[in-house]
Amino acid sequence: MERAFIVNTLNINTALSAPTQAVPLLLTVSYVHPLFSALVGGTFLGMGVLSLARHNASVGGIGVVTLWLQRRTGINA
């Protein structure tokens, strides 16, 4: 992976860590139906990962491996 990918990934992870830590302090949710949370949460997570991949970044983990395999083999992720 090239330097731009690494820099983008580090910037994204740094930018996401502060708001993620602040959410429990600002928002209290007493109940969410499991089906709703699965559908909406999965949709938002999928859209976010796709958006990052298209802008040459990742939040780490399997996303990095997937993008590396895509670039190495040419198989579209």
N, C-alpha and C. Protein backbone atom coordinates (compact mmCIF):
# COMPACT_ATOMS: atom_id res chain seq x y z
N MET A 1 0.86 -1.18 0.00
CA MET A 1 0.00 0.00 0.00
C MET A 1 0.90 1.23 0.00
N GLU A 2 0.45 2.25 -0.69
CA GLU A 2 1.28 3.45 -0.83
C GLU A 2 1.15 4.38 0.37
N ARG A 3 2.02 5.36 0.39
CA ARG A 3 2.09 6.29 1.51
C ARG A 3 0.77 7.06 1.70
N ALA A 4 0.13 7.47 0.61
CA ALA A 4 -1.13 8.23 0.72
C ALA A 4 -2.20 7.42 1.44
N PHE A 5 -2.26 6.12 1.16
CA PHE A 5 -3.23 5.25 1.83
C PHE A 5 -2.96 5.21 3.34
N ILE A 6 -1.70 5.08 3.70
CA ILE A 6 -1.34 5.01 5.12
C ILE A 6 -1.69 6.32 5.83
N VAL A 7 -1.36 7.44 5.21
CA VAL A 7 -1.65 8.75 5.81
C VAL A 7 -3.16 8.95 5.93
N ASN A 8 -3.92 8.61 4.89
CA ASN A 8 -5.38 8.75 4.93
C ASN A 8 -5.98 7.87 6.02
N THR A 9 -5.48 6.65 6.14
CA THR A 9 -6.00 5.73 7.15
C THR A 9 -5.71 6.23 8.56
N LEU A 10 -4.51 6.73 8.79
CA LEU A 10 -4.18 7.28 10.11
C LEU A 10 -5.03 8.50 10.42
N ASN A 11 -5.24 9.36 9.45
CA ASN A 11 -6.09 10.55 9.66
C ASN A 11 -7.52 10.16 9.97
N ILE A 12 -8.06 9.20 9.25
CA ILE A 12 -9.44 8.75 9.48
C ILE A 12 -9.58 8.16 10.88
N ASN A 13 -8.66 7.30 11.27
CA ASN A 13 -8.75 6.67 12.59
C ASN A 13 -8.61 7.70 13.70
N THR A 14 -7.75 8.69 13.52
CA THR A 14 -7.61 9.75 14.51
C THR A 14 -8.88 10.59 14.59
N ALA A 15 -9.44 10.92 13.43
CA ALA A 15 -10.64 11.76 13.39
C ALA A 15 -11.87 11.03 13.94
N LEU A 16 -11.92 9.71 13.85
CA LEU A 16 -13.07 8.95 14.36
C LEU A 16 -12.99 8.64 15.85
N SER A 17 -11.79 8.64 16.41
CA SER A 17 -11.65 8.21 17.80
C SER A 17 -12.27 9.19 18.79
N ALA A 18 -12.12 10.48 18.61
CA ALA A 18 -12.67 11.46 19.55
C ALA A 18 -14.20 11.46 19.56
N PRO A 19 -14.87 11.55 18.40
CA PRO A 19 -16.33 11.50 18.44
C PRO A 19 -16.88 10.18 18.98
N THR A 20 -16.19 9.10 18.71
CA THR A 20 -16.64 7.80 19.22
C THR A 20 -16.61 7.77 20.74
N GLN A 21 -15.60 8.37 21.33
CA GLN A 21 -15.51 8.43 22.79
C GLN A 21 -16.52 9.40 23.39
N ALA A 22 -16.93 10.42 22.63
CA ALA A 22 -17.84 11.45 23.13
C ALA A 22 -19.31 11.04 23.06
N VAL A 23 -19.67 10.12 22.18
CA VAL A 23 -21.08 9.76 21.98
C VAL A 23 -21.76 9.30 23.27
N PRO A 24 -21.18 8.41 24.07
CA PRO A 24 -21.88 8.00 25.31
C PRO A 24 -22.10 9.14 26.29
N LEU A 25 -21.29 10.16 26.23
CA LEU A 25 -21.46 11.30 27.12
C LEU A 25 -22.59 12.22 26.67
N LEU A 26 -22.89 12.21 25.37
CA LEU A 26 -23.86 13.13 24.81
C LEU A 26 -25.21 12.49 24.48
N LEU A 27 -25.25 11.17 24.35
CA LEU A 27 -26.45 10.51 23.88
C LEU A 27 -26.74 9.27 24.72
N THR A 28 -27.98 9.16 25.17
CA THR A 28 -28.41 7.97 25.91
C THR A 28 -29.58 7.35 25.15
N VAL A 29 -29.45 6.08 24.82
CA VAL A 29 -30.50 5.36 24.12
C VAL A 29 -30.99 4.27 25.06
N SER A 30 -32.27 4.32 25.40
CA SER A 30 -32.80 3.35 26.35
C SER A 30 -33.13 2.01 25.69
N TYR A 31 -33.62 2.03 24.44
CA TYR A 31 -33.97 0.78 23.78
C TYR A 31 -33.96 0.98 22.27
N VAL A 32 -33.40 0.01 21.58
CA VAL A 32 -33.44 -0.04 20.12
C VAL A 32 -33.78 -1.48 19.74
N HIS A 33 -34.77 -1.65 18.88
CA HIS A 33 -35.16 -2.98 18.45
C HIS A 33 -33.98 -3.63 17.71
N PRO A 34 -33.66 -4.89 18.02
CA PRO A 34 -32.50 -5.55 17.40
C PRO A 34 -32.56 -5.61 15.87
N LEU A 35 -33.75 -5.82 15.29
CA LEU A 35 -33.86 -5.87 13.84
C LEU A 35 -33.54 -4.52 13.23
N PHE A 36 -34.06 -3.46 13.82
CA PHE A 36 -33.79 -2.10 13.34
C PHE A 36 -32.30 -1.79 13.43
N SER A 37 -31.70 -2.11 14.57
CA SER A 37 -30.28 -1.81 14.74
C SER A 37 -29.42 -2.62 13.77
N ALA A 38 -29.80 -3.85 13.50
CA ALA A 38 -29.04 -4.67 12.56
C ALA A 38 -29.12 -4.11 11.15
N LEU A 39 -30.33 -3.75 10.71
CA LEU A 39 -30.50 -3.24 9.35
C LEU A 39 -29.88 -1.86 9.16
N VAL A 40 -30.20 -0.94 10.04
CA VAL A 40 -29.69 0.42 9.90
C VAL A 40 -28.20 0.49 10.19
N GLY A 41 -27.76 -0.17 11.25
CA GLY A 41 -26.34 -0.17 11.58
C GLY A 41 -25.49 -0.82 10.50
N GLY A 42 -25.94 -1.95 9.99
CA GLY A 42 -25.21 -2.62 8.91
C GLY A 42 -25.16 -1.79 7.65
N THR A 43 -26.26 -1.11 7.33
CA THR A 43 -26.28 -0.25 6.15
C THR A 43 -25.31 0.91 6.30
N PHE A 44 -25.34 1.58 7.43
CA PHE A 44 -24.43 2.71 7.65
C PHE A 44 -22.97 2.27 7.67
N LEU A 45 -22.69 1.16 8.32
CA LEU A 45 -21.31 0.67 8.34
C LEU A 45 -20.83 0.29 6.94
N GLY A 46 -21.67 -0.39 6.19
CA GLY A 46 -21.30 -0.76 4.83
C GLY A 46 -21.06 0.45 3.94
N MET A 47 -21.93 1.45 4.05
CA MET A 47 -21.76 2.67 3.26
C MET A 47 -20.48 3.41 3.66
N GLY A 48 -20.17 3.41 4.95
CA GLY A 48 -18.97 4.08 5.43
C GLY A 48 -17.70 3.40 4.94
N VAL A 49 -17.66 2.08 5.02
CA VAL A 49 -16.48 1.34 4.56
C VAL A 49 -16.31 1.51 3.05
N LEU A 50 -17.40 1.46 2.30
CA LEU A 50 -17.33 1.66 0.86
C LEU A 50 -16.83 3.06 0.52
N SER A 51 -17.33 4.04 1.23
CA SER A 51 -16.90 5.42 1.01
C SER A 51 -15.41 5.59 1.28
N LEU A 52 -14.93 5.02 2.36
CA LEU A 52 -13.50 5.10 2.66
C LEU A 52 -12.66 4.39 1.61
N ALA A 53 -13.10 3.22 1.18
CA ALA A 53 -12.35 2.46 0.18
C ALA A 53 -12.25 3.24 -1.13
N ARG A 54 -13.32 3.91 -1.50
CA ARG A 54 -13.31 4.69 -2.74
C ARG A 54 -12.43 5.93 -2.64
N HIS A 55 -12.16 6.37 -1.42
CA HIS A 55 -11.31 7.55 -1.22
C HIS A 55 -9.93 7.17 -0.70
N ASN A 56 -9.53 5.93 -0.97
CA ASN A 56 -8.17 5.47 -0.67
C ASN A 56 -7.84 5.54 0.81
N ALA A 57 -8.72 4.98 1.64
CA ALA A 57 -8.48 4.92 3.09
C ALA A 57 -9.20 3.70 3.65
N SER A 58 -8.95 3.42 4.91
CA SER A 58 -9.60 2.31 5.58
C SER A 58 -9.60 2.58 7.08
N VAL A 59 -10.45 1.88 7.81
CA VAL A 59 -10.42 1.99 9.27
C VAL A 59 -9.59 0.86 9.86
N GLY A 60 -8.96 0.06 9.01
CA GLY A 60 -8.06 -0.99 9.48
C GLY A 60 -8.69 -2.36 9.37
N GLY A 61 -7.97 -3.34 9.83
CA GLY A 61 -8.46 -4.71 9.87
C GLY A 61 -8.66 -5.32 8.50
N ILE A 62 -9.79 -5.98 8.35
CA ILE A 62 -10.07 -6.72 7.12
C ILE A 62 -10.22 -5.79 5.92
N GLY A 63 -10.57 -4.53 6.15
CA GLY A 63 -10.66 -3.56 5.05
C GLY A 63 -9.33 -3.36 4.35
N VAL A 64 -8.26 -3.31 5.10
CA VAL A 64 -6.92 -3.15 4.52
C VAL A 64 -6.57 -4.39 3.69
N VAL A 65 -6.84 -5.56 4.24
CA VAL A 65 -6.55 -6.80 3.52
C VAL A 65 -7.36 -6.88 2.24
N THR A 66 -8.63 -6.50 2.31
CA THR A 66 -9.49 -6.54 1.13
C THR A 66 -8.98 -5.60 0.04
N LEU A 67 -8.63 -4.38 0.41
CA LEU A 67 -8.12 -3.44 -0.58
C LEU A 67 -6.78 -3.89 -1.15
N TRP A 68 -5.94 -4.49 -0.33
CA TRP A 68 -4.66 -5.00 -0.80
C TRP A 68 -4.88 -6.13 -1.80
N LEU A 69 -5.78 -7.06 -1.48
CA LEU A 69 -6.09 -8.16 -2.41
C LEU A 69 -6.69 -7.64 -3.71
N GLN A 70 -7.54 -6.63 -3.60
CA GLN A 70 -8.15 -6.06 -4.81
C GLN A 70 -7.07 -5.49 -5.73
N ARG A 71 -6.14 -4.77 -5.16
CA ARG A 71 -5.08 -4.17 -5.97
C ARG A 71 -4.11 -5.21 -6.51
N ARG A 72 -3.89 -6.25 -5.75
CA ARG A 72 -2.92 -7.27 -6.18
C ARG A 72 -3.50 -8.21 -7.23
N THR A 73 -4.77 -8.61 -7.04
CA THR A 73 -5.36 -9.60 -7.95
C THR A 73 -6.23 -8.99 -9.02
N GLY A 74 -6.71 -7.77 -8.82
CA GLY A 74 -7.59 -7.15 -9.80
C GLY A 74 -9.05 -7.53 -9.63
N ILE A 75 -9.37 -8.36 -8.64
CA ILE A 75 -10.76 -8.75 -8.37
C ILE A 75 -11.41 -7.61 -7.61
N ASN A 76 -12.53 -7.12 -8.10
CA ASN A 76 -13.22 -5.98 -7.49
C ASN A 76 -13.79 -6.36 -6.13
N ALA A 77 -13.48 -5.54 -5.13
CA ALA A 77 -13.97 -5.81 -3.79
C ALA A 77 -15.46 -5.57 -3.71
